[in-house]
């Protein structure tokens, strides 16, 4: 009886070891295109990574600048493709209406955002839960909508993202 428990324990340890040995191949991403837009009210920069954008907005005015997350959209293949999951949002609440963020006069705002359309649930017996897909393709980016003194302004920041597997 002791031997069978030892064998089962050994198989479990072996399975755990082997599951840790399987890794995703390293990926090198490449972005070409715009990373910044600028107008008289603000400048905005996106730093694209594999699965998200780091958005930086600099308010150039003496008024509050309001980022409308419900009208700020992911661009995929040159078309809007839904909104963003914002840093700190629960996956299950990613499609709910979002509160606006305020960028104070002459200050800088940064936030990490993930495209909602690239979030999926990976189930199964030992499912990993919600995962983020890769941002890939031509004409991908951010359609940013802000308002200053009651004036709504929308700007596009787009480029192309490609990947190369590194050996």
Protein backbone atom coordinates (compact mmCIF):
# COMPACT_ATOMS: atom_id res chain seq x y z
CA UNK A 1 0.00 0.00 0.00
CA UNK A 2 2.84 2.41 0.84
CA UNK A 3 4.44 1.76 -2.54
CA UNK A 4 1.28 2.79 -4.47
CA UNK A 5 1.07 6.11 -2.55
CA UNK A 6 4.75 6.70 -3.30
CA UNK A 7 4.13 6.00 -7.00
CA UNK A 8 1.13 8.34 -7.12
CA UNK A 9 3.10 11.05 -5.31
CA UNK A 10 5.98 10.56 -7.76
CA UNK A 11 3.64 10.89 -10.75
CA UNK A 12 2.14 14.08 -9.34
CA UNK A 13 5.59 15.60 -8.78
CA UNK A 14 6.66 14.56 -12.29
CA UNK A 15 3.50 16.10 -13.82
CA UNK A 16 4.06 19.37 -11.94
CA UNK A 17 7.69 19.46 -13.05
CA UNK A 18 6.85 18.82 -16.69
CA UNK A 19 4.05 21.39 -16.70
CA UNK A 20 6.56 23.99 -15.52
CA UNK A 21 8.96 23.07 -18.34
CA UNK A 22 6.60 24.08 -21.13
CA UNK A 23 7.15 27.75 -21.91
CA UNK A 24 5.98 30.14 -24.57
CA UNK A 25 8.68 31.04 -27.09
CA UNK A 26 10.17 34.52 -26.64
CA UNK A 27 8.50 37.10 -28.86
CA UNK A 28 9.98 40.33 -30.20
CA UNK A 29 7.36 42.94 -31.04
CA UNK A 30 7.78 45.69 -33.58
CA UNK A 31 5.68 48.87 -33.82
CA UNK A 32 5.72 51.16 -36.84
CA UNK A 33 3.63 54.27 -37.10
CA UNK A 34 2.57 57.12 -34.89
CA UNK A 35 3.06 57.05 -31.16
CA UNK A 36 2.06 60.67 -30.51
CA UNK A 37 -0.51 63.25 -31.51
CA UNK A 38 -0.55 66.90 -30.57
CA UNK A 39 -3.00 69.76 -30.83
CA UNK A 40 -3.49 73.10 -29.08
CA UNK A 41 -5.19 71.45 -26.08
CA UNK A 42 -3.09 68.36 -25.33
CA UNK A 43 -0.46 65.93 -26.50
CA UNK A 44 -1.00 62.18 -26.18
CA UNK A 45 1.46 59.33 -26.50
CA UNK A 46 0.90 55.58 -26.64
CA UNK A 47 3.59 53.07 -25.81
CA UNK A 48 2.36 49.81 -27.35
CA UNK A 49 3.46 46.48 -25.91
CA UNK A 50 2.31 42.97 -26.78
CA UNK A 51 -1.07 43.18 -25.07
CA UNK A 52 -1.60 46.75 -23.89
CA UNK A 53 -0.93 50.43 -24.40
CA UNK A 54 0.56 52.82 -21.90
CA UNK A 55 -1.29 56.07 -22.56
CA UNK A 56 0.23 59.40 -21.53
CA UNK A 57 -1.77 62.64 -21.89
CA UNK A 58 -0.29 66.10 -21.25
CA UNK A 59 -2.79 68.90 -20.70
CA UNK A 60 -1.49 72.07 -22.36
CA UNK A 61 -4.33 74.31 -21.18
CA UNK A 62 -5.22 76.23 -18.03
CA UNK A 63 -8.48 74.21 -17.76
CA UNK A 64 -9.28 70.64 -16.70
CA UNK A 65 -9.09 68.11 -19.52
CA UNK A 66 -11.57 65.21 -19.16
CA UNK A 67 -10.82 61.80 -20.71
CA UNK A 68 -14.07 60.11 -21.72
CA UNK A 69 -13.31 56.38 -21.43
CA UNK A 70 -16.74 55.47 -22.83
CA UNK A 71 -15.82 57.17 -26.13
CA UNK A 72 -12.13 56.23 -26.15
CA UNK A 73 -11.90 53.17 -28.38
CA UNK A 74 -9.49 50.52 -29.63
CA UNK A 75 -8.70 50.74 -33.35
CA UNK A 76 -8.17 47.44 -35.16
CA UNK A 77 -7.74 47.21 -38.95
CA UNK A 78 -8.58 50.90 -39.22
CA UNK A 79 -12.00 50.54 -37.51
CA UNK A 80 -13.11 50.99 -33.93
CA UNK A 81 -13.34 47.67 -32.11
CA UNK A 82 -14.79 48.42 -28.69
CA UNK A 83 -13.44 50.11 -25.63
CA UNK A 84 -10.63 49.49 -23.21
CA UNK A 85 -10.17 47.69 -19.95
CA UNK A 86 -8.50 50.26 -17.73
CA UNK A 87 -5.81 49.54 -15.18
CA UNK A 88 -7.48 48.50 -11.91
CA UNK A 89 -10.73 47.28 -13.53
CA UNK A 90 -12.03 43.80 -12.78
CA UNK A 91 -12.24 41.59 -15.88
CA UNK A 92 -15.94 40.93 -15.31
CA UNK A 93 -16.62 44.70 -15.23
CA UNK A 94 -14.50 45.66 -18.26
CA UNK A 95 -17.54 46.38 -20.49
CA UNK A 96 -19.41 48.45 -17.89
CA UNK A 97 -19.59 52.25 -18.31
CA UNK A 98 -16.45 53.90 -16.96
CA UNK A 99 -15.93 57.07 -15.02
CA UNK A 100 -13.99 59.81 -16.77
CA UNK A 101 -10.51 60.80 -15.63
CA UNK A 102 -9.47 64.41 -15.17
CA UNK A 103 -6.08 65.73 -16.25
CA UNK A 104 -5.47 68.91 -14.30
CA UNK A 105 -4.21 72.08 -16.01
CA UNK A 106 -0.64 71.80 -17.35
CA UNK A 107 -0.16 68.32 -15.85
CA UNK A 108 0.54 64.82 -17.15
CA UNK A 109 -1.67 61.72 -16.81
CA UNK A 110 -0.63 58.09 -17.40
CA UNK A 111 -2.69 54.92 -17.52
CA UNK A 112 -2.30 51.36 -18.83
CA UNK A 113 -5.17 50.18 -21.05
CA UNK A 114 -6.03 46.82 -22.66
CA UNK A 115 -8.40 46.37 -25.64
CA UNK A 116 -11.66 44.75 -24.45
CA UNK A 117 -12.05 42.91 -27.75
CA UNK A 118 -8.81 41.00 -27.07
CA UNK A 119 -9.81 39.76 -23.61
CA UNK A 120 -11.17 36.23 -23.46
CA UNK A 121 -11.88 33.52 -20.92
CA UNK A 122 -9.81 30.37 -21.06
CA UNK A 123 -11.77 27.66 -19.27
CA UNK A 124 -11.31 23.98 -18.86
CA UNK A 125 -10.80 21.80 -15.84
CA UNK A 126 -7.86 23.88 -14.66
CA UNK A 127 -8.75 27.06 -16.56
CA UNK A 128 -6.50 30.07 -16.26
CA UNK A 129 -9.35 32.56 -16.26
CA UNK A 130 -9.36 35.73 -18.32
CA UNK A 131 -6.39 36.33 -20.62
CA UNK A 132 -5.29 39.17 -22.89
CA UNK A 133 -4.69 38.54 -26.59
CA UNK A 134 -1.88 40.10 -28.60
CA UNK A 135 -2.32 43.45 -30.32
CA UNK A 136 -1.34 42.68 -33.89
CA UNK A 137 -1.98 43.95 -37.40
CA UNK A 138 -2.04 47.10 -39.45
CA UNK A 139 -3.91 50.25 -38.42
CA UNK A 140 -4.18 49.41 -34.73
CA UNK A 141 -4.18 51.98 -31.96
CA UNK A 142 -6.25 54.33 -29.83
CA UNK A 143 -9.13 56.67 -30.68
CA UNK A 144 -8.87 59.10 -27.75
CA UNK A 145 -11.83 61.33 -26.81
CA UNK A 146 -11.40 64.21 -24.37
CA UNK A 147 -13.23 67.42 -23.56
CA UNK A 148 -11.90 70.83 -22.55
CA UNK A 149 -14.23 73.66 -21.52
CA UNK A 150 -17.20 71.77 -22.99
CA UNK A 151 -15.50 71.15 -26.36
CA UNK A 152 -15.17 67.45 -27.28
CA UNK A 153 -12.01 66.51 -29.18
CA UNK A 154 -11.19 63.09 -30.66
CA UNK A 155 -7.79 62.07 -32.03
CA UNK A 156 -6.44 58.84 -33.55
CA UNK A 157 -3.02 57.36 -32.82
CA UNK A 158 -2.42 54.38 -35.11
CA UNK A 159 0.36 52.18 -36.37
CA UNK A 160 1.17 48.56 -37.16
CA UNK A 161 2.25 45.86 -34.71
CA UNK A 162 4.06 42.71 -35.79
CA UNK A 163 5.82 39.89 -33.96
CA UNK A 164 8.80 37.72 -34.55
CA UNK A 165 9.61 34.57 -32.58
CA UNK A 166 13.13 34.71 -31.21
CA UNK A 167 15.13 31.49 -30.99
